[in-house]
């Protein structure tokens, strides 16, 4: 298991695109670089970063449970 900490994902958006961002709905992003800062101080530590990588590669389906 990876140690807890914070992480920064640097994401390149090669062309303008629209992405569904949870409760924010669909947002437009111009081409460029974006940073996403996350906390990994909870259970699992930095293993969350590996999940982000698998989602981006299409190896892991994103599932959000609703109550």
Protein backbone atom coordinates (compact mmCIF):
# COMPACT_ATOMS: atom_id res chain seq x y z
CA UNK A 1 0.00 0.00 0.00
CA UNK A 2 1.31 3.46 -0.87
CA UNK A 3 1.99 6.05 1.82
CA UNK A 4 -0.50 8.91 2.41
CA UNK A 5 0.18 12.34 1.00
CA UNK A 6 -0.93 14.88 -1.56
CA UNK A 7 -0.58 14.56 -5.30
CA UNK A 8 -0.69 16.70 -8.44
CA UNK A 9 -1.82 15.32 -11.78
CA UNK A 10 -0.73 17.35 -14.81
CA UNK A 11 -3.14 16.76 -17.67
CA UNK A 12 -2.62 17.84 -21.28
CA UNK A 13 -5.73 18.70 -23.26
CA UNK A 14 -4.59 18.60 -26.90
CA UNK A 15 -7.78 20.06 -28.39
CA UNK A 16 -10.71 22.01 -26.93
CA UNK A 17 -13.15 19.57 -25.37
CA UNK A 18 -16.15 19.26 -23.08
CA UNK A 19 -16.02 16.98 -20.04
CA UNK A 20 -18.72 16.05 -17.53
CA UNK A 21 -17.42 17.09 -14.11
CA UNK A 22 -19.69 15.56 -11.47
CA UNK A 23 -22.22 17.97 -9.97
CA UNK A 24 -20.73 20.85 -11.99
CA UNK A 25 -22.15 19.37 -15.19
CA UNK A 26 -20.46 19.66 -18.57
CA UNK A 27 -17.55 22.10 -18.69
CA UNK A 28 -15.56 23.32 -21.67
CA UNK A 29 -11.76 23.15 -21.58
CA UNK A 30 -9.46 24.94 -24.01
CA UNK A 31 -6.33 23.20 -25.31
CA UNK A 32 -3.49 23.42 -22.81
CA UNK A 33 -2.24 21.98 -19.55
CA UNK A 34 -4.30 21.61 -16.39
CA UNK A 35 -3.41 20.60 -12.85
CA UNK A 36 -5.52 18.54 -10.47
CA UNK A 37 -4.51 18.48 -6.80
CA UNK A 38 -5.80 15.67 -4.62
CA UNK A 39 -5.47 14.46 -1.06
CA UNK A 40 -4.38 10.91 -0.37
CA UNK A 41 -4.39 11.07 3.41
CA UNK A 42 -7.36 8.71 3.71
CA UNK A 43 -7.38 4.92 3.44
CA UNK A 44 -5.27 3.63 0.57
CA UNK A 45 -2.87 6.58 0.50
CA UNK A 46 -1.49 7.33 -2.95
CA UNK A 47 -3.09 4.22 -4.49
CA UNK A 48 -5.80 6.67 -5.67
CA UNK A 49 -3.28 8.04 -8.17
CA UNK A 50 -3.05 4.58 -9.76
CA UNK A 51 -6.85 4.54 -10.12
CA UNK A 52 -6.72 7.91 -11.95
CA UNK A 53 -4.10 6.44 -14.30
CA UNK A 54 -6.22 3.35 -14.99
CA UNK A 55 -9.33 5.46 -15.66
CA UNK A 56 -7.39 7.69 -18.08
CA UNK A 57 -6.04 4.62 -19.90
CA UNK A 58 -9.55 3.15 -20.20
CA UNK A 59 -8.62 0.18 -18.00
CA UNK A 60 -11.04 1.13 -15.20
CA UNK A 61 -14.65 2.23 -15.49
CA UNK A 62 -15.70 5.34 -13.57
CA UNK A 63 -18.65 4.57 -11.32
CA UNK A 64 -20.44 7.03 -9.09
CA UNK A 65 -23.00 5.63 -6.68
CA UNK A 66 -26.09 7.70 -5.97
CA UNK A 67 -28.08 7.49 -2.80
